[in-house]
Structures are given as structure tokens and as C-alpha cells.
Amino acid sequence: MTVAERAIRIGASPRRLDARLAIPAGATTGAVVCHPHPEYGGTMDGSVVVAVARALAAAGVATLRFDFGGVGESEGRYDDGVAEVDDVLAAVAALGDALPADVPLAVAGYSFGALVGTRAATRAARVAHVVAIAPPASLAAWDFAGGLRAPLTIVVGDCDTYCPPDARRALEAAAGGGARTVVLAGADHFFAGREREVAAAVVATLTAG
């Protein structure tokens, strides 16, 4: 099932953000999809982000992907992960406003998007699940993950140098030990040619049960 996206603007000036919203008929879950690092070419049109958003929508999950401030047509500029957390919260609010109040939301972030998406989820009561795709666990402190009220699923390649096993285990522990991890054999941080597998793992996580 192909679900059409529509262009919307979210947030407030001086940081209005360019976004794409897809709402399948009868959606019972919604997911905000966050892209990788803005200063290293990350955009909402990246192959992993698009694959995840399309697969979720095809599975009946409402999706909102967006460009962080300073990327593409989004206002503002890169803020070292600070304002980007607020960008995620603006996306969660916009998706929540587009769905009935009883529909649970999730945040699915890739790389830098996983970092700021997880941090934002600690401040968003409506977020019922967090999916961290290739989280840069070795490049940042993740102590804040202990503030998550939602379960955390990590999707990672076993050749990801930014999320080696020891750093991943530290992240799992920081999240309270309740984190679930899906490991893709032979995949690295960039998932070249493996986008469908990543998307399938995210869909399975957010549509289980």
C-alpha cells in the first residue's frame, strides 16, 4: 500500500520546519522519523529515513519526517543538538495534532536523529516507543536515557564503528536494562543496500502486538 505524503510546516518562527506527513486510513500509531547529522549531509530525504517512513506508512502507521533547523527549507541553523531536541518535540506535537488523542506516538531516529530523538522522548509524555537506528553510542553520553518512560529498541549493524558492542551495552544499561536490540549482520553505520532491512525492523517493532 502506497500512502501519499503532503508537505507541511511545523514549529514556530524563527524555526519553522519543512516536513512531510502521511496518514494512512485507520492509523492506530504514529511515528516521527528523524534524520542524521545536519552538518554531514543528513536530511529527511536520506535513503534510510525515506525507506523507514514509507514502510511504516505502508504498514498503516502515520508518519512525519522533517528537516532539522537550517536544513533544506527549514528555518534556523544547526545548534549542536540543543534546538534540534525542540525540533523533534515540535514534530511530535504536529503529528499528535493530526491524529486522535488516543493514538500513541513513537520516535524513530537515525544516527544523530537517534540521539536527539531519544533525548526529546524523555520530555514527551505521549511517546510510547523509541527506535534508535544506528545510535552514535560511542560519541556521546547517553545517561539521559534513564529518563525514558517509553521502551527503547536499538537497530544496529554489527559492523557499526560508532555503536560497537561495549558502547551499545552501556546505552542499554543507561535505558534501565529494558532496551531491546536488533542486530543486522554485516551492516555498518550507513546501511548501504540494507535500507529495506532497517525499515522492516522498525515496522516490526512498532506494529508488534
Protein backbone atom coordinates (compact mmCIF):
# COMPACT_ATOMS: atom_id res chain seq x y z
CA MET A 1 0.00 0.00 0.00
CA THR A 2 1.42 3.37 -1.03
CA VAL A 3 0.36 6.30 1.13
CA ALA A 4 0.78 9.80 -0.23
CA GLU A 5 2.70 12.35 1.82
CA ARG A 6 1.84 16.02 1.95
CA ALA A 7 4.18 18.91 2.62
CA ILE A 8 3.52 20.84 5.83
CA ARG A 9 5.30 23.39 8.00
CA ILE A 10 5.71 22.69 11.70
CA GLY A 11 7.02 24.56 14.72
CA ALA A 12 7.16 28.32 15.10
CA SER A 13 9.30 31.14 13.72
CA PRO A 14 12.19 31.71 13.79
CA ARG A 15 12.44 27.92 13.45
CA ARG A 16 9.62 26.84 11.16
CA LEU A 17 10.47 23.43 9.76
CA ASP A 18 9.77 21.73 6.45
CA ALA A 19 8.07 18.36 6.93
CA ARG A 20 6.21 15.56 5.16
CA LEU A 21 3.12 13.97 6.70
CA ALA A 22 1.44 10.71 5.73
CA ILE A 23 -1.69 9.44 7.48
CA PRO A 24 -2.97 6.04 6.35
CA ALA A 25 -6.68 5.39 6.80
CA GLY A 26 -7.35 3.99 10.25
CA ALA A 27 -3.83 4.60 11.57
CA THR A 28 -3.55 3.43 15.17
CA THR A 29 0.07 4.51 15.69
CA GLY A 30 2.13 7.48 14.57
CA ALA A 31 5.89 7.85 14.21
CA VAL A 32 8.19 10.85 13.86
CA VAL A 33 11.25 9.93 11.78
CA CYS A 34 14.42 11.96 12.46
CA HIS A 35 17.35 12.27 10.05
CA PRO A 36 21.13 12.07 10.61
CA HIS A 37 23.55 14.89 11.39
CA PRO A 38 22.77 18.14 9.53
CA GLU A 39 26.45 19.03 9.16
CA TYR A 40 27.28 15.72 7.46
CA GLY A 41 24.61 15.74 4.81
CA GLY A 42 21.69 14.43 6.83
CA THR A 43 18.23 15.35 5.50
CA MET A 44 14.72 13.97 5.63
CA ASP A 45 15.29 12.72 2.07
CA GLY A 46 18.11 10.37 3.05
CA SER A 47 17.62 6.80 1.89
CA VAL A 48 17.21 5.25 5.34
CA VAL A 49 14.78 7.92 6.52
CA VAL A 50 12.65 7.62 3.38
CA ALA A 51 12.69 3.83 3.50
CA VAL A 52 11.56 3.80 7.13
CA ALA A 53 8.83 6.40 6.61
CA ARG A 54 7.45 4.68 3.51
CA ALA A 55 7.48 1.22 5.07
CA LEU A 56 5.73 2.46 8.19
CA ALA A 57 3.05 4.25 6.20
CA ALA A 58 2.53 1.15 4.04
CA ALA A 59 2.02 -0.81 7.27
CA GLY A 60 -0.65 1.61 8.44
CA VAL A 61 1.47 3.83 10.70
CA ALA A 62 1.10 7.61 10.34
CA THR A 63 4.48 9.25 9.75
CA LEU A 64 6.06 12.66 9.92
CA ARG A 65 9.60 13.20 8.65
CA PHE A 66 11.16 16.65 8.74
CA ASP A 67 14.33 18.66 8.20
CA PHE A 68 16.06 19.99 11.28
CA GLY A 69 16.57 23.76 11.52
CA GLY A 70 18.91 25.06 8.84
CA VAL A 71 18.46 22.06 6.56
CA GLY A 72 16.68 22.43 3.22
CA GLU A 73 13.72 24.78 3.55
CA SER A 74 13.68 24.70 7.36
CA GLU A 75 14.35 27.96 9.17
CA GLY A 76 17.10 28.41 11.74
CA ARG A 77 20.53 26.82 11.87
CA TYR A 78 22.38 23.89 13.38
CA ASP A 79 22.51 24.23 17.17
CA ASP A 80 24.78 21.38 18.31
CA GLY A 81 21.82 19.19 19.25
CA VAL A 82 20.10 21.70 21.55
CA ALA A 83 17.43 23.33 19.37
CA GLU A 84 17.23 20.05 17.47
CA VAL A 85 15.60 18.44 20.51
CA ASP A 86 12.95 21.14 20.34
CA ASP A 87 12.59 20.38 16.61
CA VAL A 88 11.70 16.79 17.48
CA LEU A 89 9.23 17.96 20.10
CA ALA A 90 7.62 20.24 17.51
CA ALA A 91 7.33 17.26 15.16
CA VAL A 92 5.77 15.11 17.89
CA ALA A 93 3.27 17.88 18.65
CA ALA A 94 2.39 18.32 14.97
CA LEU A 95 1.87 14.60 14.42
CA GLY A 96 -0.13 14.37 17.62
CA ASP A 97 -2.37 17.20 16.49
CA ALA A 98 -3.02 15.38 13.22
CA LEU A 99 -4.19 12.20 14.95
CA PRO A 100 -6.84 11.34 17.54
CA ALA A 101 -5.69 11.94 21.10
CA ASP A 102 -5.70 8.23 21.95
CA VAL A 103 -3.27 7.26 19.16
CA PRO A 104 0.18 6.51 20.63
CA LEU A 105 3.26 8.04 19.05
CA ALA A 106 6.79 6.85 18.52
CA VAL A 107 10.09 8.48 17.64
CA ALA A 108 12.38 6.68 15.19
CA GLY A 109 15.70 8.45 14.72
CA TYR A 110 18.75 7.54 12.66
CA SER A 111 22.27 8.31 13.95
CA PHE A 112 22.23 11.95 15.19
CA GLY A 113 18.44 11.69 14.84
CA ALA A 114 18.52 8.79 17.29
CA LEU A 115 20.47 10.86 19.80
CA VAL A 116 18.25 13.96 19.76
CA GLY A 117 15.11 11.89 19.21
CA THR A 118 15.76 9.83 22.31
CA ARG A 119 16.54 12.94 24.32
CA ALA A 120 13.31 14.57 23.15
CA ALA A 121 11.32 11.46 24.05
CA THR A 122 12.28 11.91 27.70
CA ARG A 123 10.21 15.13 27.57
CA ALA A 124 7.25 13.88 25.52
CA ALA A 125 4.66 12.03 27.56
CA ARG A 126 2.74 10.84 24.50
CA VAL A 127 5.72 8.97 23.04
CA ALA A 128 5.11 5.28 23.66
CA HIS A 129 8.18 3.82 21.92
CA VAL A 130 11.60 4.99 20.79
CA VAL A 131 13.59 3.35 18.00
CA ALA A 132 17.26 4.34 17.86
CA ILE A 133 18.67 3.39 14.47
CA ALA A 134 22.49 3.23 14.49
CA PRO A 135 22.75 5.41 17.61
CA PRO A 136 26.20 7.03 17.92
CA ALA A 137 26.66 5.41 21.29
CA SER A 138 30.44 5.85 21.38
CA LEU A 139 30.35 9.56 20.51
CA ALA A 140 28.04 10.97 23.18
CA ALA A 141 26.95 10.43 26.76
CA TRP A 142 23.57 8.69 26.94
CA ASP A 143 22.91 8.97 30.69
CA PHE A 144 19.72 10.86 29.88
CA ALA A 145 18.24 7.62 28.50
CA GLY A 146 17.43 6.72 32.10
CA GLY A 147 14.67 9.32 31.88
CA LEU A 148 12.81 7.44 29.16
CA ARG A 149 9.28 6.41 30.10
CA ALA A 150 8.88 4.54 26.83
CA PRO A 151 10.61 1.30 25.77
CA LEU A 152 13.72 1.65 23.62
CA THR A 153 14.57 -0.51 20.62
CA ILE A 154 18.03 -0.24 19.07
CA VAL A 155 18.53 -1.22 15.41
CA VAL A 156 22.22 -1.52 14.61
CA GLY A 157 24.67 -3.25 12.30
CA ASP A 158 27.30 -5.45 13.85
CA CYS A 159 29.97 -3.56 11.86
CA ASP A 160 28.90 -0.11 13.08
CA THR A 161 32.05 1.57 14.38
CA TYR A 162 30.00 4.33 16.04
CA CYS A 163 27.99 1.81 18.06
CA PRO A 164 30.35 -1.03 18.99
CA PRO A 165 29.07 -3.72 21.37
CA ASP A 166 30.52 -2.19 24.55
CA ALA A 167 29.01 1.24 23.83
CA ARG A 168 25.71 -0.38 22.85
CA ARG A 169 25.58 -2.32 26.11
CA ALA A 170 26.27 0.90 28.03
CA LEU A 171 23.34 2.52 26.24
CA GLU A 172 21.11 -0.45 27.03
CA ALA A 173 22.11 -0.18 30.68
CA ALA A 174 21.52 3.59 30.72
CA ALA A 175 17.99 2.96 29.47
CA GLY A 176 17.32 0.86 32.54
CA GLY A 177 18.13 -2.53 31.12
CA GLY A 178 14.82 -2.80 29.30
CA ALA A 179 16.18 -1.95 25.88
CA ARG A 180 15.72 -4.40 23.02
CA THR A 181 18.34 -4.64 20.28
CA VAL A 182 18.00 -5.81 16.69
CA VAL A 183 21.40 -6.54 15.10
CA LEU A 184 21.80 -6.66 11.32
CA ALA A 185 24.72 -8.92 10.46
CA GLY A 186 27.32 -7.39 8.18
CA ALA A 187 25.80 -3.89 8.22
CA ASP A 188 27.74 -0.76 9.10
CA HIS A 189 26.57 2.67 10.23
CA PHE A 190 25.34 3.70 6.79
CA PHE A 191 23.26 0.61 5.84
CA ALA A 192 24.07 0.95 2.12
CA GLY A 193 21.83 -1.50 0.31
CA ARG A 194 20.26 -2.56 3.61
CA GLU A 195 17.61 0.15 3.91
CA ARG A 196 14.72 -2.28 3.47
CA GLU A 197 16.00 -4.45 6.30
CA VAL A 198 16.28 -1.45 8.59
CA ALA A 199 12.76 -0.37 7.65
CA ALA A 200 11.41 -3.88 8.21
CA ALA A 201 12.94 -3.96 11.69
CA VAL A 202 11.34 -0.63 12.57
CA VAL A 203 7.96 -1.72 11.20
CA ALA A 204 8.10 -4.98 13.14
CA THR A 205 8.90 -3.07 16.31
CA LEU A 206 6.12 -0.51 16.00
CA THR A 207 3.41 -2.86 14.77
CA ALA A 208 4.05 -5.79 17.12
CA GLY A 209 1.12 -6.94 19.19
